[in-house]
Amino acid sequence: MYFLSGPSCLLLQVHFGRWLIEGSPYVILFDISSAAWNLDRWKGDLWDTCQIGLPYHDREANDSLILGSLIAWFFKELTDHLGDKPNVISHFHEWQAGAGLILSRSRNIPMATVFTTHATLLGRYLCAGNVDFYNNLDKVRGQGAMLGDKININKQQPDQGHT
């Protein structure tokens, strides 16, 4: 299914269906590759919103920004369509959904937000690298520089969610 929306003519591919898990909840899937042509504009939006820049070569961060921008666009369209009492709750999980949370809140989209995470991004990278975290805490400070853009998105998220 393709959508064409508003004056900016956002053309993207979206899939709607049921998630094949217990309860069979509805799911909306965005094909981020169909909207990747907007990446430079969305990087500008993220910078203007919270002064977070993403490097050109970081595909994981770029993909999360495309997804987040699509999520913010979707919830804006949805809440506009629902009118005065949208009763929308959005759940953002882990740093990859962070741009959607940050952009949605900065645009004052009328919905409740929830942000959940299992651990910090830096903590996950250190654990994956078998760093003896607790016995080397004094040496870990500043190690986030290698993850700069992702750490910046990760730091913004807890302040943005309602819960």
C-alpha atoms as a PDB file:
ATOM      1  CA  MET A   1       0.000   0.000   0.000  1.00  0.00           C
ATOM      2  CA  TYR A   2       1.387   3.440  -0.890  1.00  0.00           C
ATOM      3  CA  PHE A   3       0.416   6.721   0.722  1.00  0.00           C
ATOM      4  CA  LEU A   4       0.640  10.197  -0.708  1.00  0.00           C
ATOM      5  CA  SER A   5       0.166  12.833   1.950  1.00  0.00           C
ATOM      6  CA  GLY A   6      -0.194  16.572   2.223  1.00  0.00           C
ATOM      7  CA  PRO A   7       1.617  19.445   0.580  1.00  0.00           C
ATOM      8  CA  SER A   8       5.008  17.753   0.942  1.00  0.00           C
ATOM      9  CA  CYS A   9       3.731  14.744  -1.053  1.00  0.00           C
ATOM     10  CA  LEU A  10       5.297  12.110   1.152  1.00  0.00           C
ATOM     11  CA  LEU A  11       5.220   8.900  -0.864  1.00  0.00           C
ATOM     12  CA  LEU A  12       5.967   5.748   1.101  1.00  0.00           C
ATOM     13  CA  GLN A  13       5.145   2.100   1.332  1.00  0.00           C
ATOM     14  CA  VAL A  14       3.200   0.923   4.389  1.00  0.00           C
ATOM     15  CA  HIS A  15       1.940  -2.548   5.283  1.00  0.00           C
ATOM     16  CA  PHE A  16      -0.984  -3.134   7.631  1.00  0.00           C
ATOM     17  CA  GLY A  17      -1.994  -6.481   9.090  1.00  0.00           C
ATOM     18  CA  ARG A  18      -1.877  -8.733  12.123  1.00  0.00           C
ATOM     19  CA  TRP A  19       1.211  -9.662  14.071  1.00  0.00           C
ATOM     20  CA  LEU A  20       1.478 -13.445  14.287  1.00  0.00           C
ATOM     21  CA  ILE A  21       1.764 -13.621  18.069  1.00  0.00           C
ATOM     22  CA  GLU A  22      -0.702 -14.406  20.843  1.00  0.00           C
ATOM     23  CA  GLY A  23      -3.643 -12.019  20.643  1.00  0.00           C
ATOM     24  CA  SER A  24      -2.906 -11.185  16.979  1.00  0.00           C
ATOM     25  CA  PRO A  25      -2.592  -7.413  17.481  1.00  0.00           C
ATOM     26  CA  TYR A  26      -2.786  -5.086  14.508  1.00  0.00           C
ATOM     27  CA  VAL A  27       0.537  -3.883  13.167  1.00  0.00           C
ATOM     28  CA  ILE A  28       1.673  -1.142  10.807  1.00  0.00           C
ATOM     29  CA  LEU A  29       5.023  -1.653   9.103  1.00  0.00           C
ATOM     30  CA  PHE A  30       6.837   1.184   7.341  1.00  0.00           C
ATOM     31  CA  ASP A  31       9.175   0.337   4.485  1.00  0.00           C
ATOM     32  CA  ILE A  32      11.928   2.771   5.394  1.00  0.00           C
ATOM     33  CA  SER A  33      13.700   2.268   2.076  1.00  0.00           C
ATOM     34  CA  SER A  34      10.690   3.799   0.295  1.00  0.00           C
ATOM     35  CA  ALA A  35      11.216   7.037   2.236  1.00  0.00           C
ATOM     36  CA  ALA A  36      15.024   7.162   2.398  1.00  0.00           C
ATOM     37  CA  TRP A  37      15.105   9.950  -0.182  1.00  0.00           C
ATOM     38  CA  ASN A  38      13.973  12.324   2.621  1.00  0.00           C
ATOM     39  CA  LEU A  39      16.949  11.531   4.874  1.00  0.00           C
ATOM     40  CA  ASP A  40      18.776  14.849   4.407  1.00  0.00           C
ATOM     41  CA  ARG A  41      15.629  16.854   5.175  1.00  0.00           C
ATOM     42  CA  TRP A  42      14.947  14.746   8.266  1.00  0.00           C
ATOM     43  CA  LYS A  43      18.532  15.148   9.475  1.00  0.00           C
ATOM     44  CA  GLY A  44      17.926  18.893   9.285  1.00  0.00           C
ATOM     45  CA  ASP A  45      14.680  18.505  11.247  1.00  0.00           C
ATOM     46  CA  LEU A  46      16.474  16.531  13.975  1.00  0.00           C
ATOM     47  CA  TRP A  47      19.232  19.131  14.163  1.00  0.00           C
ATOM     48  CA  ASP A  48      16.746  22.011  14.315  1.00  0.00           C
ATOM     49  CA  THR A  49      14.744  20.204  17.000  1.00  0.00           C
ATOM     50  CA  CYS A  50      17.470  19.116  19.410  1.00  0.00           C
ATOM     51  CA  GLN A  51      20.919  19.760  17.877  1.00  0.00           C
ATOM     52  CA  ILE A  52      21.657  16.091  17.267  1.00  0.00           C
ATOM     53  CA  GLY A  53      23.625  15.457  14.094  1.00  0.00           C
ATOM     54  CA  LEU A  54      23.985  12.081  12.414  1.00  0.00           C
ATOM     55  CA  PRO A  55      27.002  11.173  10.274  1.00  0.00           C
ATOM     56  CA  TYR A  56      26.430  10.221   6.673  1.00  0.00           C
ATOM     57  CA  HIS A  57      28.012   6.755   7.008  1.00  0.00           C
ATOM     58  CA  ASP A  58      26.080   5.526  10.079  1.00  0.00           C
ATOM     59  CA  ARG A  59      23.373   3.405   8.481  1.00  0.00           C
ATOM     60  CA  GLU A  60      21.881   2.197  11.780  1.00  0.00           C
ATOM     61  CA  ALA A  61      21.391   5.758  13.064  1.00  0.00           C
ATOM     62  CA  ASN A  62      20.154   6.946   9.656  1.00  0.00           C
ATOM     63  CA  ASP A  63      17.614   4.114   9.460  1.00  0.00           C
ATOM     64  CA  SER A  64      16.367   4.936  12.963  1.00  0.00           C
ATOM     65  CA  LEU A  65      15.898   8.564  11.901  1.00  0.00           C
ATOM     66  CA  ILE A  66      13.928   7.543   8.809  1.00  0.00           C
ATOM     67  CA  LEU A  67      11.719   5.293  10.945  1.00  0.00           C
ATOM     68  CA  GLY A  68      11.324   7.970  13.616  1.00  0.00           C
ATOM     69  CA  SER A  69      10.371  10.599  11.054  1.00  0.00           C
ATOM     70  CA  LEU A  70       7.786   8.268   9.554  1.00  0.00           C
ATOM     71  CA  ILE A  71       6.381   7.501  12.996  1.00  0.00           C
ATOM     72  CA  ALA A  72       6.084  11.208  13.833  1.00  0.00           C
ATOM     73  CA  TRP A  73       4.431  11.835  10.441  1.00  0.00           C
ATOM     74  CA  PHE A  74       2.013   8.924  10.962  1.00  0.00           C
ATOM     75  CA  PHE A  75       0.928  10.030  14.442  1.00  0.00           C
ATOM     76  CA  LYS A  76       0.475  13.616  13.262  1.00  0.00           C
ATOM     77  CA  GLU A  77      -1.777  12.429  10.412  1.00  0.00           C
ATOM     78  CA  LEU A  78      -3.665  10.075  12.738  1.00  0.00           C
ATOM     79  CA  THR A  79      -4.288  12.613  15.492  1.00  0.00           C
ATOM     80  CA  ASP A  80      -5.303  15.286  12.956  1.00  0.00           C
ATOM     81  CA  HIS A  81      -7.812  12.827  11.486  1.00  0.00           C
ATOM     82  CA  LEU A  82      -9.209  11.866  14.911  1.00  0.00           C
ATOM     83  CA  GLY A  83      -9.919  15.465  15.882  1.00  0.00           C
ATOM     84  CA  ASP A  84     -10.368  16.814  19.397  1.00  0.00           C
ATOM     85  CA  LYS A  85     -10.145  13.557  21.362  1.00  0.00           C
ATOM     86  CA  PRO A  86      -7.599  11.307  19.703  1.00  0.00           C
ATOM     87  CA  ASN A  87      -6.956   9.016  22.736  1.00  0.00           C
ATOM     88  CA  VAL A  88      -3.664   7.802  21.266  1.00  0.00           C
ATOM     89  CA  ILE A  89      -0.896   6.133  23.232  1.00  0.00           C
ATOM     90  CA  SER A  90       2.423   5.487  21.532  1.00  0.00           C
ATOM     91  CA  HIS A  91       5.062   3.131  22.859  1.00  0.00           C
ATOM     92  CA  PHE A  92       8.689   3.745  21.879  1.00  0.00           C
ATOM     93  CA  HIS A  93      11.082   0.927  22.738  1.00  0.00           C
ATOM     94  CA  GLU A  94      14.874   1.234  22.710  1.00  0.00           C
ATOM     95  CA  TRP A  95      17.039   3.920  21.132  1.00  0.00           C
ATOM     96  CA  GLN A  96      16.104   2.963  17.563  1.00  0.00           C
ATOM     97  CA  ALA A  97      12.632   4.425  18.178  1.00  0.00           C
ATOM     98  CA  GLY A  98      14.068   7.494  19.893  1.00  0.00           C
ATOM     99  CA  ALA A  99      13.897   9.862  16.947  1.00  0.00           C
ATOM    100  CA  GLY A 100      10.165   9.173  16.635  1.00  0.00           C
ATOM    101  CA  LEU A 101       9.665  10.019  20.300  1.00  0.00           C
ATOM    102  CA  ILE A 102      11.795  13.168  20.142  1.00  0.00           C
ATOM    103  CA  LEU A 103      10.151  14.442  16.943  1.00  0.00           C
ATOM    104  CA  SER A 104       6.613  13.597  18.096  1.00  0.00           C
ATOM    105  CA  ARG A 105       7.048  15.441  21.383  1.00  0.00           C
ATOM    106  CA  SER A 106       8.772  18.434  19.790  1.00  0.00           C
ATOM    107  CA  ARG A 107       5.856  18.778  17.353  1.00  0.00           C
ATOM    108  CA  ASN A 108       3.355  18.658  20.222  1.00  0.00           C
ATOM    109  CA  ILE A 109       1.438  15.750  18.733  1.00  0.00           C
ATOM    110  CA  PRO A 110      -1.534  15.201  21.083  1.00  0.00           C
ATOM    111  CA  MET A 111      -0.843  11.712  22.382  1.00  0.00           C
ATOM    112  CA  ALA A 112       0.487  10.014  25.463  1.00  0.00           C
ATOM    113  CA  THR A 113       3.946   8.492  25.092  1.00  0.00           C
ATOM    114  CA  VAL A 114       5.742   5.634  26.796  1.00  0.00           C
ATOM    115  CA  PHE A 115       9.473   5.007  26.480  1.00  0.00           C
ATOM    116  CA  THR A 116      11.045   1.734  27.590  1.00  0.00           C
ATOM    117  CA  THR A 117      14.568   0.415  27.383  1.00  0.00           C
ATOM    118  CA  HIS A 118      16.468  -2.510  28.836  1.00  0.00           C
ATOM    119  CA  ALA A 119      19.746  -0.687  29.327  1.00  0.00           C
ATOM    120  CA  THR A 120      21.735   2.230  28.016  1.00  0.00           C
ATOM    121  CA  LEU A 121      23.288   1.962  24.584  1.00  0.00           C
ATOM    122  CA  LEU A 122      26.792   2.466  25.970  1.00  0.00           C
ATOM    123  CA  GLY A 123      26.194  -0.244  28.593  1.00  0.00           C
ATOM    124  CA  ARG A 124      25.061  -2.717  25.935  1.00  0.00           C
ATOM    125  CA  TYR A 125      28.160  -2.038  23.801  1.00  0.00           C
ATOM    126  CA  LEU A 126      30.477  -2.421  26.774  1.00  0.00           C
ATOM    127  CA  CYS A 127      28.840  -5.680  27.875  1.00  0.00           C
ATOM    128  CA  ALA A 128      28.965  -7.048  24.336  1.00  0.00           C
ATOM    129  CA  GLY A 129      32.694  -6.274  24.302  1.00  0.00           C
ATOM    130  CA  ASN A 130      33.282  -8.223  27.542  1.00  0.00           C
ATOM    131  CA  VAL A 131      34.371  -5.096  29.430  1.00  0.00           C
ATOM    132  CA  ASP A 132      34.630  -5.651  33.174  1.00  0.00           C
ATOM    133  CA  PHE A 133      32.321  -2.690  33.657  1.00  0.00           C
ATOM    134  CA  TYR A 134      32.036  -2.514  37.436  1.00  0.00           C
ATOM    135  CA  ASN A 135      35.744  -2.888  38.135  1.00  0.00           C
ATOM    136  CA  ASN A 136      36.703  -0.373  35.442  1.00  0.00           C
ATOM    137  CA  LEU A 137      34.026   2.282  35.857  1.00  0.00           C
ATOM    138  CA  ASP A 138      36.622   5.042  36.247  1.00  0.00           C
ATOM    139  CA  LYS A 139      38.116   4.123  32.837  1.00  0.00           C
ATOM    140  CA  VAL A 140      34.757   3.952  31.035  1.00  0.00           C
ATOM    141  CA  ARG A 141      33.950   7.651  31.324  1.00  0.00           C
ATOM    142  CA  GLY A 142      34.125   9.301  27.902  1.00  0.00           C
ATOM    143  CA  GLN A 143      33.874   6.024  25.976  1.00  0.00           C
ATOM    144  CA  GLY A 144      30.543   7.214  24.584  1.00  0.00           C
ATOM    145  CA  ALA A 145      32.413   9.401  22.088  1.00  0.00           C
ATOM    146  CA  MET A 146      32.749   6.444  19.730  1.00  0.00           C
ATOM    147  CA  LEU A 147      28.956   6.145  19.691  1.00  0.00           C
ATOM    148  CA  GLY A 148      28.304   9.897  19.682  1.00  0.00           C
ATOM    149  CA  ASP A 149      25.132  10.243  17.602  1.00  0.00           C
ATOM    150  CA  LYS A 150      23.470   7.166  19.068  1.00  0.00           C
ATOM    151  CA  ILE A 151      24.359   8.230  22.622  1.00  0.00           C
ATOM    152  CA  ASN A 152      22.858  11.671  21.981  1.00  0.00           C
ATOM    153  CA  ILE A 153      19.578  10.139  20.796  1.00  0.00           C
ATOM    154  CA  ASN A 154      19.663   7.725  23.737  1.00  0.00           C
ATOM    155  CA  LYS A 155      20.169  10.570  26.253  1.00  0.00           C
ATOM    156  CA  GLN A 156      17.212  12.592  24.906  1.00  0.00           C
ATOM    157  CA  GLN A 157      14.650   9.789  25.122  1.00  0.00           C
ATOM    158  CA  PRO A 158      13.932   9.439  28.859  1.00  0.00           C
ATOM    159  CA  ASP A 159      13.104  13.137  29.108  1.00  0.00           C
ATOM    160  CA  GLN A 160      10.672  12.974  26.187  1.00  0.00           C
ATOM    161  CA  GLY A 161       8.265  10.211  27.203  1.00  0.00           C
ATOM    162  CA  HIS A 162       5.308  10.834  29.471  1.00  0.00           C
ATOM    163  CA  THR A 163       6.142   7.596  31.328  1.00  0.00           C
END
